[in-house]
Amino acid sequence: MVLDLSYNSLTQIPLNWIKKMNDASVKVNFNFTGNEITKISDEVCDIFSLTSLKLSTFQLTSIPECLSSLQTLRSLDLSNNRLSSVPKFISGNSLQSLSMAGNRLTDITDLYYCSKLSVLNLSSNSLTNINVLSSLGSLASLYVSHNNLATLDDLDLSKTDLSLLDLSYNSLTQLPSSFLVPSSVTLKISHNKFRSISKDILKKHLVYNKEIDLSYNELTELPDAPWPISSLDTLNIEGNQITSVPSINNLLSLFVLFSRSL
């Protein structure tokens, strides 16, 4: 059962409806996005069959800890609120999808034990370090754009299931050798502050990644060939300050790499 009351003028969750839906044989998805609710009543925790809960675009500063009792909850959207920390109940929970984009997070240590998370959106916060996410083995899609990341030192995501990593709109200047991701990842690092990229690092990611988006950085040149290109489909370098590109023998690869950039 889906209850979508998004973008109305509700000031509280309709508890009378909740009580009628408390049937463990029915899976319930609630969407209260974009209302005027500033506090969540503990009674929402009485819906034992709740699988998806969207509490986005409120002015929430806290979340009821009793949500930890919702054993069937798999998707939680807390985006665009005023949360300054990850709710304690999320640690060790069985959530598979979590969005806390558009909040006031500076620390995400409590995500360390969220081993079942597959989709995680932490965009538009104030994060400076995300190394704790290396422990999330099931992680497939990670969004950390519009934060305050200046380095990726010692960020090892190679043991996750990651297929998409969005690090755009940060303050990154390089890809350190200690930055590790699985093979065939789509890596989005546009709108950062890359001025150059070393030949060894570029080769490393050209071999193993599926797509690299380096658009709108401060690059003035790319390393000389040869470039080993085995998995890469697209390299986007548009919006930089590059005046020439290295000679590449494989013309088909040249077309794939630069057709979106020059």
C-alpha atoms as a PDB file:
ATOM      1  CA  MET A   1       0.000   0.000   0.000  1.00  0.00           C
ATOM      2  CA  VAL A   2       1.284   3.453  -0.934  1.00  0.00           C
ATOM      3  CA  LEU A   3       0.186   6.624   0.843  1.00  0.00           C
ATOM      4  CA  ASP A   4       1.470   9.722  -0.963  1.00  0.00           C
ATOM      5  CA  LEU A   5       0.609  12.998   0.760  1.00  0.00           C
ATOM      6  CA  SER A   6       3.610  14.900  -0.554  1.00  0.00           C
ATOM      7  CA  TYR A   7       3.623  18.673  -1.114  1.00  0.00           C
ATOM      8  CA  ASN A   8       0.561  19.567   0.878  1.00  0.00           C
ATOM      9  CA  SER A   9       0.221  21.779   3.951  1.00  0.00           C
ATOM     10  CA  LEU A  10       0.174  19.116   6.645  1.00  0.00           C
ATOM     11  CA  THR A  11       1.563  20.180  10.008  1.00  0.00           C
ATOM     12  CA  GLN A  12       1.499  16.672  11.444  1.00  0.00           C
ATOM     13  CA  ILE A  13       1.305  13.090  10.241  1.00  0.00           C
ATOM     14  CA  PRO A  14      -2.316  11.836  10.233  1.00  0.00           C
ATOM     15  CA  LEU A  15      -2.122   9.379  13.118  1.00  0.00           C
ATOM     16  CA  ASN A  16      -5.675   8.138  12.625  1.00  0.00           C
ATOM     17  CA  TRP A  17      -4.617   6.718   9.275  1.00  0.00           C
ATOM     18  CA  ILE A  18      -1.545   5.153  10.790  1.00  0.00           C
ATOM     19  CA  LYS A  19      -3.562   3.225  13.329  1.00  0.00           C
ATOM     20  CA  LYS A  20      -5.794   1.808  10.601  1.00  0.00           C
ATOM     21  CA  MET A  21      -2.806   0.674   8.553  1.00  0.00           C
ATOM     22  CA  ASN A  22      -1.094  -1.224  11.308  1.00  0.00           C
ATOM     23  CA  ASP A  23      -1.509  -4.570   9.616  1.00  0.00           C
ATOM     24  CA  ALA A  24       1.676  -6.621   9.425  1.00  0.00           C
ATOM     25  CA  SER A  25       0.376  -8.454   6.340  1.00  0.00           C
ATOM     26  CA  VAL A  26       0.421  -5.269   4.231  1.00  0.00           C
ATOM     27  CA  LYS A  27       3.607  -3.524   3.128  1.00  0.00           C
ATOM     28  CA  VAL A  28       3.260   0.226   3.583  1.00  0.00           C
ATOM     29  CA  ASN A  29       5.106   3.073   1.811  1.00  0.00           C
ATOM     30  CA  PHE A  30       4.609   6.598   3.193  1.00  0.00           C
ATOM     31  CA  ASN A  31       5.552   9.803   1.390  1.00  0.00           C
ATOM     32  CA  PHE A  32       5.138  13.023   3.379  1.00  0.00           C
ATOM     33  CA  THR A  33       7.701  15.037   1.393  1.00  0.00           C
ATOM     34  CA  GLY A  34       7.286  18.805   1.192  1.00  0.00           C
ATOM     35  CA  ASN A  35       4.777  19.412   3.973  1.00  0.00           C
ATOM     36  CA  GLU A  36       5.069  21.709   6.988  1.00  0.00           C
ATOM     37  CA  ILE A  37       5.778  19.043   9.571  1.00  0.00           C
ATOM     38  CA  THR A  38       8.489  19.996  12.064  1.00  0.00           C
ATOM     39  CA  LYS A  39       8.205  17.051  14.465  1.00  0.00           C
ATOM     40  CA  ILE A  40       7.566  13.343  13.964  1.00  0.00           C
ATOM     41  CA  SER A  41       5.336  11.640  16.510  1.00  0.00           C
ATOM     42  CA  ASP A  42       6.520   8.359  18.016  1.00  0.00           C
ATOM     43  CA  GLU A  43       3.263   6.808  16.855  1.00  0.00           C
ATOM     44  CA  VAL A  44       4.665   6.499  13.339  1.00  0.00           C
ATOM     45  CA  CYS A  45       6.750   3.662  14.802  1.00  0.00           C
ATOM     46  CA  ASP A  46       3.582   1.639  15.348  1.00  0.00           C
ATOM     47  CA  ILE A  47       3.384   0.714  11.663  1.00  0.00           C
ATOM     48  CA  PHE A  48       5.144  -2.615  11.916  1.00  0.00           C
ATOM     49  CA  SER A  49       4.935  -3.264   8.150  1.00  0.00           C
ATOM     50  CA  LEU A  50       6.413   0.077   7.044  1.00  0.00           C
ATOM     51  CA  THR A  51       8.979  -0.510   4.268  1.00  0.00           C
ATOM     52  CA  SER A  52       9.552   2.991   2.875  1.00  0.00           C
ATOM     53  CA  LEU A  53       9.314   6.354   4.625  1.00  0.00           C
ATOM     54  CA  LYS A  54       9.896   9.751   3.010  1.00  0.00           C
ATOM     55  CA  LEU A  55      10.238  12.656   5.426  1.00  0.00           C
ATOM     56  CA  SER A  56      11.954  15.038   3.031  1.00  0.00           C
ATOM     57  CA  THR A  57      11.808  18.843   2.911  1.00  0.00           C
ATOM     58  CA  PHE A  58      10.510  19.439   6.420  1.00  0.00           C
ATOM     59  CA  GLN A  59      12.411  21.416   9.041  1.00  0.00           C
ATOM     60  CA  LEU A  60      13.293  18.418  11.163  1.00  0.00           C
ATOM     61  CA  THR A  61      16.138  18.677  13.666  1.00  0.00           C
ATOM     62  CA  SER A  62      15.630  15.210  15.163  1.00  0.00           C
ATOM     63  CA  ILE A  63      14.105  11.832  14.315  1.00  0.00           C
ATOM     64  CA  PRO A  64      12.319   9.465  16.759  1.00  0.00           C
ATOM     65  CA  GLU A  65      14.686   6.765  17.980  1.00  0.00           C
ATOM     66  CA  CYS A  66      11.767   4.350  18.041  1.00  0.00           C
ATOM     67  CA  LEU A  67      12.142   3.970  14.275  1.00  0.00           C
ATOM     68  CA  SER A  68      14.734   1.340  15.166  1.00  0.00           C
ATOM     69  CA  SER A  69      11.811  -0.970  15.973  1.00  0.00           C
ATOM     70  CA  LEU A  70      10.650  -0.975  12.343  1.00  0.00           C
ATOM     71  CA  GLN A  71      12.216  -4.236  11.248  1.00  0.00           C
ATOM     72  CA  THR A  72      10.724  -4.049   7.734  1.00  0.00           C
ATOM     73  CA  LEU A  73      11.951  -0.516   6.952  1.00  0.00           C
ATOM     74  CA  ARG A  74      14.255  -0.654   3.922  1.00  0.00           C
ATOM     75  CA  SER A  75      14.178   2.876   2.482  1.00  0.00           C
ATOM     76  CA  LEU A  76      14.383   6.145   4.425  1.00  0.00           C
ATOM     77  CA  ASP A  77      14.467   9.648   2.937  1.00  0.00           C
ATOM     78  CA  LEU A  78      15.446  12.401   5.367  1.00  0.00           C
ATOM     79  CA  SER A  79      16.741  14.824   2.758  1.00  0.00           C
ATOM     80  CA  ASN A  80      16.431  18.601   2.961  1.00  0.00           C
ATOM     81  CA  ASN A  81      15.927  18.941   6.689  1.00  0.00           C
ATOM     82  CA  ARG A  82      18.043  20.486   9.456  1.00  0.00           C
ATOM     83  CA  LEU A  83      19.685  17.359  10.824  1.00  0.00           C
ATOM     84  CA  SER A  84      23.209  17.872  12.141  1.00  0.00           C
ATOM     85  CA  SER A  85      23.972  14.203  12.836  1.00  0.00           C
ATOM     86  CA  VAL A  86      23.053  10.729  11.634  1.00  0.00           C
ATOM     87  CA  PRO A  87      20.191   9.386  13.809  1.00  0.00           C
ATOM     88  CA  LYS A  88      21.589   6.783  16.209  1.00  0.00           C
ATOM     89  CA  PHE A  89      18.982   4.181  15.316  1.00  0.00           C
ATOM     90  CA  ILE A  90      20.331   3.974  11.747  1.00  0.00           C
ATOM     91  CA  SER A  91      23.563   2.345  12.926  1.00  0.00           C
ATOM     92  CA  GLY A  92      23.181  -1.412  12.461  1.00  0.00           C
ATOM     93  CA  ASN A  93      19.733  -1.025  10.911  1.00  0.00           C
ATOM     94  CA  SER A  94      18.640  -3.094   7.892  1.00  0.00           C
ATOM     95  CA  LEU A  95      18.188  -0.067   5.648  1.00  0.00           C
ATOM     96  CA  GLN A  96      19.098  -0.590   2.007  1.00  0.00           C
ATOM     97  CA  SER A  97      18.534   2.987   0.846  1.00  0.00           C
ATOM     98  CA  LEU A  98      19.169   6.176   2.815  1.00  0.00           C
ATOM     99  CA  SER A  99      19.095   9.808   1.751  1.00  0.00           C
ATOM    100  CA  MET A 100      20.299  12.538   4.065  1.00  0.00           C
ATOM    101  CA  ALA A 101      21.103  15.011   1.314  1.00  0.00           C
ATOM    102  CA  GLY A 102      20.595  18.669   2.050  1.00  0.00           C
ATOM    103  CA  ASN A 103      21.131  18.581   5.806  1.00  0.00           C
ATOM    104  CA  ARG A 104      23.884  19.896   8.107  1.00  0.00           C
ATOM    105  CA  LEU A 105      26.030  16.808   8.530  1.00  0.00           C
ATOM    106  CA  THR A 106      29.705  17.151   9.403  1.00  0.00           C
ATOM    107  CA  ASP A 107      30.283  13.635  10.781  1.00  0.00           C
ATOM    108  CA  ILE A 108      28.917  10.279   9.563  1.00  0.00           C
ATOM    109  CA  THR A 109      30.668   7.880  11.949  1.00  0.00           C
ATOM    110  CA  ASP A 110      27.352   6.270  12.880  1.00  0.00           C
ATOM    111  CA  LEU A 111      27.032   4.856   9.359  1.00  0.00           C
ATOM    112  CA  TYR A 112      29.935   2.465  10.000  1.00  0.00           C
ATOM    113  CA  TYR A 113      27.712  -0.507  10.859  1.00  0.00           C
ATOM    114  CA  CYS A 114      25.108   0.027   8.106  1.00  0.00           C
ATOM    115  CA  SER A 115      26.404  -2.960   6.183  1.00  0.00           C
ATOM    116  CA  LYS A 116      23.242  -3.479   4.107  1.00  0.00           C
ATOM    117  CA  LEU A 117      23.107  -0.002   2.596  1.00  0.00           C
ATOM    118  CA  SER A 118      23.117  -0.162  -1.186  1.00  0.00           C
ATOM    119  CA  VAL A 119      22.153   3.416  -2.058  1.00  0.00           C
ATOM    120  CA  LEU A 120      23.447   6.325   0.033  1.00  0.00           C
ATOM    121  CA  ASN A 121      22.914  10.016  -0.727  1.00  0.00           C
ATOM    122  CA  LEU A 122      24.887  12.471   1.410  1.00  0.00           C
ATOM    123  CA  SER A 123      24.996  15.334  -1.082  1.00  0.00           C
ATOM    124  CA  SER A 124      24.753  18.965  -0.005  1.00  0.00           C
ATOM    125  CA  ASN A 125      26.111  18.668   3.516  1.00  0.00           C
ATOM    126  CA  SER A 126      29.367  19.874   5.116  1.00  0.00           C
ATOM    127  CA  LEU A 127      31.406  16.666   5.074  1.00  0.00           C
ATOM    128  CA  THR A 128      35.202  16.777   4.940  1.00  0.00           C
ATOM    129  CA  ASN A 129      35.886  13.036   5.346  1.00  0.00           C
ATOM    130  CA  ILE A 130      33.949   9.963   4.184  1.00  0.00           C
ATOM    131  CA  ASN A 131      36.506   7.216   4.904  1.00  0.00           C
ATOM    132  CA  VAL A 132      34.112   5.499   7.296  1.00  0.00           C
ATOM    133  CA  LEU A 133      32.100   4.394   4.255  1.00  0.00           C
ATOM    134  CA  SER A 134      34.837   1.895   3.364  1.00  0.00           C
ATOM    135  CA  SER A 135      33.099  -0.546   5.715  1.00  0.00           C
ATOM    136  CA  LEU A 136      29.862  -0.654   3.688  1.00  0.00           C
ATOM    137  CA  GLY A 137      30.377  -3.751   1.568  1.00  0.00           C
ATOM    138  CA  SER A 138      26.925  -3.656  -0.081  1.00  0.00           C
ATOM    139  CA  LEU A 139      27.249  -0.050  -1.219  1.00  0.00           C
ATOM    140  CA  ALA A 140      26.428   0.281  -4.949  1.00  0.00           C
ATOM    141  CA  SER A 141      25.604   3.982  -5.437  1.00  0.00           C
ATOM    142  CA  LEU A 142      27.188   6.778  -3.403  1.00  0.00           C
ATOM    143  CA  TYR A 143      26.368  10.462  -3.828  1.00  0.00           C
ATOM    144  CA  VAL A 144      28.586  12.941  -1.983  1.00  0.00           C
ATOM    145  CA  SER A 145      28.415  15.975  -4.261  1.00  0.00           C
ATOM    146  CA  HIS A 146      28.259  19.537  -2.901  1.00  0.00           C
ATOM    147  CA  ASN A 147      30.269  18.894   0.260  1.00  0.00           C
ATOM    148  CA  ASN A 148      33.611  20.188   1.585  1.00  0.00           C
ATOM    149  CA  LEU A 149      35.847  17.317   0.535  1.00  0.00           C
ATOM    150  CA  ALA A 150      39.399  18.470  -0.185  1.00  0.00           C
ATOM    151  CA  THR A 151      41.143  15.082  -0.222  1.00  0.00           C
ATOM    152  CA  LEU A 152      40.422  11.396  -0.857  1.00  0.00           C
ATOM    153  CA  ASP A 153      43.510  10.140   0.989  1.00  0.00           C
ATOM    154  CA  ASP A 154      43.097   6.572   2.287  1.00  0.00           C
ATOM    155  CA  LEU A 155      39.538   6.258   0.950  1.00  0.00           C
ATOM    156  CA  ASP A 156      39.382   2.564   0.072  1.00  0.00           C
ATOM    157  CA  LEU A 157      36.054   1.542  -1.491  1.00  0.00           C
ATOM    158  CA  SER A 158      37.543  -1.391  -3.396  1.00  0.00           C
ATOM    159  CA  LYS A 159      35.751  -3.988  -1.266  1.00  0.00           C
ATOM    160  CA  THR A 160      32.298  -2.522  -1.846  1.00  0.00           C
ATOM    161  CA  ASP A 161      29.832  -3.244  -4.670  1.00  0.00           C
ATOM    162  CA  LEU A 162      30.178   0.322  -5.899  1.00  0.00           C
ATOM    163  CA  SER A 163      29.131   1.078  -9.482  1.00  0.00           C
ATOM    164  CA  LEU A 164      28.508   4.842  -9.176  1.00  0.00           C
ATOM    165  CA  LEU A 165      30.480   7.391  -7.156  1.00  0.00           C
ATOM    166  CA  ASP A 166      29.501  11.057  -7.382  1.00  0.00           C
ATOM    167  CA  LEU A 167      32.095  13.408  -5.879  1.00  0.00           C
ATOM    168  CA  SER A 168      31.234  16.456  -7.990  1.00  0.00           C
ATOM    169  CA  TYR A 169      31.121  19.983  -6.602  1.00  0.00           C
ATOM    170  CA  ASN A 170      33.763  19.572  -3.912  1.00  0.00           C
ATOM    171  CA  SER A 171      37.277  21.010  -3.510  1.00  0.00           C
ATOM    172  CA  LEU A 172      39.329  18.039  -4.700  1.00  0.00           C
ATOM    173  CA  THR A 173      42.669  18.744  -6.345  1.00  0.00           C
ATOM    174  CA  GLN A 174      43.973  15.235  -7.036  1.00  0.00           C
ATOM    175  CA  LEU A 175      43.295  11.508  -7.047  1.00  0.00           C
ATOM    176  CA  PRO A 176      45.785  10.074  -4.524  1.00  0.00           C
ATOM    177  CA  SER A 177      47.269   6.622  -5.025  1.00  0.00           C
ATOM    178  CA  SER A 178      45.550   5.515  -1.792  1.00  0.00           C
ATOM    179  CA  PHE A 179      42.124   6.220  -3.318  1.00  0.00           C
ATOM    180  CA  LEU A 180      40.717   2.838  -4.372  1.00  0.00           C
ATOM    181  CA  VAL A 181      37.446   1.876  -6.051  1.00  0.00           C
ATOM    182  CA  PRO A 182      36.173  -1.358  -7.605  1.00  0.00           C
ATOM    183  CA  SER A 183      36.509  -1.962 -11.335  1.00  0.00           C
ATOM    184  CA  SER A 184      33.870  -0.676 -13.779  1.00  0.00           C
ATOM    185  CA  VAL A 185      32.875   2.281 -11.626  1.00  0.00           C
ATOM    186  CA  THR A 186      31.310   5.439 -13.028  1.00  0.00           C
ATOM    187  CA  LEU A 187      33.361   8.181 -11.364  1.00  0.00           C
ATOM    188  CA  LYS A 188      31.916  11.693 -11.326  1.00  0.00           C
ATOM    189  CA  ILE A 189      34.437  14.299 -10.171  1.00  0.00           C
ATOM    190  CA  SER A 190      33.309  17.332 -12.150  1.00  0.00           C
ATOM    191  CA  HIS A 191      33.308  20.866 -10.738  1.00  0.00           C
ATOM    192  CA  ASN A 192      36.307  20.351  -8.471  1.00  0.00           C
ATOM    193  CA  LYS A 193      39.759  21.968  -8.510  1.00  0.00           C
ATOM    194  CA  PHE A 194      41.898  19.516 -10.459  1.00  0.00           C
ATOM    195  CA  ARG A 195      44.717  21.388 -12.199  1.00  0.00           C
ATOM    196  CA  SER A 196      46.624  18.318 -13.302  1.00  0.00           C
ATOM    197  CA  ILE A 197      46.429  14.570 -13.076  1.00  0.00           C
ATOM    198  CA  SER A 198      49.432  12.265 -13.009  1.00  0.00           C
ATOM    199  CA  LYS A 199      50.040   9.744 -15.759  1.00  0.00           C
ATOM    200  CA  ASP A 200      50.090   6.788 -13.364  1.00  0.00           C
ATOM    201  CA  ILE A 201      46.819   7.752 -11.689  1.00  0.00           C
ATOM    202  CA  LEU A 202      45.063   8.448 -14.969  1.00  0.00           C
ATOM    203  CA  LYS A 203      46.218   5.132 -16.411  1.00  0.00           C
ATOM    204  CA  LYS A 204      44.986   3.332 -13.325  1.00  0.00           C
ATOM    205  CA  HIS A 205      41.465   4.678 -13.687  1.00  0.00           C
ATOM    206  CA  LEU A 206      41.371   4.435 -17.490  1.00  0.00           C
ATOM    207  CA  VAL A 207      42.017   0.715 -17.198  1.00  0.00           C
ATOM    208  CA  TYR A 208      39.440  -0.131 -14.579  1.00  0.00           C
ATOM    209  CA  ASN A 209      36.658   2.471 -14.623  1.00  0.00           C
ATOM    210  CA  LYS A 210      33.646   2.654 -16.925  1.00  0.00           C
ATOM    211  CA  GLU A 211      33.164   6.418 -17.056  1.00  0.00           C
ATOM    212  CA  ILE A 212      35.160   9.356 -15.690  1.00  0.00           C
ATOM    213  CA  ASP A 213      33.682  12.845 -15.568  1.00  0.00           C
ATOM    214  CA  LEU A 214      36.403  15.466 -15.085  1.00  0.00           C
ATOM    215  CA  SER A 215      34.401  18.304 -16.608  1.00  0.00           C
ATOM    216  CA  TYR A 216      34.621  21.842 -15.280  1.00  0.00           C
ATOM    217  CA  ASN A 217      37.845  21.541 -13.374  1.00  0.00           C
ATOM    218  CA  GLU A 218      41.037  23.541 -13.905  1.00  0.00           C
ATOM    219  CA  LEU A 219      42.954  21.091 -16.097  1.00  0.00           C
ATOM    220  CA  THR A 220      45.355  22.617 -18.618  1.00  0.00           C
ATOM    221  CA  GLU A 221      46.770  19.393 -20.061  1.00  0.00           C
ATOM    222  CA  LEU A 222      46.536  15.620 -20.018  1.00  0.00           C
ATOM    223  CA  PRO A 223      49.423  13.154 -19.655  1.00  0.00           C
ATOM    224  CA  ASP A 224      51.097  11.872 -22.821  1.00  0.00           C
ATOM    225  CA  ALA A 225      50.099   8.566 -24.376  1.00  0.00           C
ATOM    226  CA  PRO A 226      50.105   5.589 -24.330  1.00  0.00           C
ATOM    227  CA  TRP A 227      46.792   5.281 -22.544  1.00  0.00           C
ATOM    228  CA  PRO A 228      45.604   1.749 -21.721  1.00  0.00           C
ATOM    229  CA  ILE A 229      41.867   1.825 -22.387  1.00  0.00           C
ATOM    230  CA  SER A 230      40.158  -1.444 -21.536  1.00  0.00           C
ATOM    231  CA  SER A 231      36.961  -0.679 -19.598  1.00  0.00           C
ATOM    232  CA  LEU A 232      36.466   3.046 -20.173  1.00  0.00           C
ATOM    233  CA  ASP A 233      33.464   4.156 -22.247  1.00  0.00           C
ATOM    234  CA  THR A 234      33.557   7.903 -21.662  1.00  0.00           C
ATOM    235  CA  LEU A 235      36.033  10.479 -20.445  1.00  0.00           C
ATOM    236  CA  ASN A 236      34.397  13.893 -20.120  1.00  0.00           C
ATOM    237  CA  ILE A 237      36.854  16.798 -19.939  1.00  0.00           C
ATOM    238  CA  GLU A 238      34.641  19.623 -21.176  1.00  0.00           C
ATOM    239  CA  GLY A 239      34.792  22.997 -19.467  1.00  0.00           C
ATOM    240  CA  ASN A 240      38.509  22.837 -18.610  1.00  0.00           C
ATOM    241  CA  GLN A 241      41.428  24.915 -19.936  1.00  0.00           C
ATOM    242  CA  ILE A 242      42.959  22.242 -22.166  1.00  0.00           C
ATOM    243  CA  THR A 243      44.435  23.598 -25.411  1.00  0.00           C
ATOM    244  CA  SER A 244      45.670  20.308 -26.905  1.00  0.00           C
ATOM    245  CA  VAL A 245      45.272  16.592 -26.363  1.00  0.00           C
ATOM    246  CA  PRO A 246      47.915  13.873 -26.486  1.00  0.00           C
ATOM    247  CA  SER A 247      48.306  11.746 -29.588  1.00  0.00           C
ATOM    248  CA  ILE A 248      46.466   8.442 -29.310  1.00  0.00           C
ATOM    249  CA  ASN A 249      46.970   5.740 -31.922  1.00  0.00           C
ATOM    250  CA  ASN A 250      43.520   4.215 -31.536  1.00  0.00           C
ATOM    251  CA  LEU A 251      41.241   6.687 -33.372  1.00  0.00           C
ATOM    252  CA  LEU A 252      38.068   4.952 -32.231  1.00  0.00           C
ATOM    253  CA  SER A 253      39.114   5.459 -28.620  1.00  0.00           C
ATOM    254  CA  LEU A 254      39.975   9.062 -29.433  1.00  0.00           C
ATOM    255  CA  PHE A 255      36.423   9.635 -30.626  1.00  0.00           C
ATOM    256  CA  VAL A 256      34.899   8.018 -27.543  1.00  0.00           C
ATOM    257  CA  LEU A 257      37.131   9.942 -25.161  1.00  0.00           C
ATOM    258  CA  PHE A 258      36.937  13.445 -26.560  1.00  0.00           C
ATOM    259  CA  SER A 259      33.779  13.800 -28.612  1.00  0.00           C
ATOM    260  CA  ARG A 260      31.978  15.398 -25.640  1.00  0.00           C
ATOM    261  CA  SER A 261      34.878  17.661 -24.758  1.00  0.00           C
ATOM    262  CA  LEU A 262      36.263  19.431 -27.824  1.00  0.00           C
END
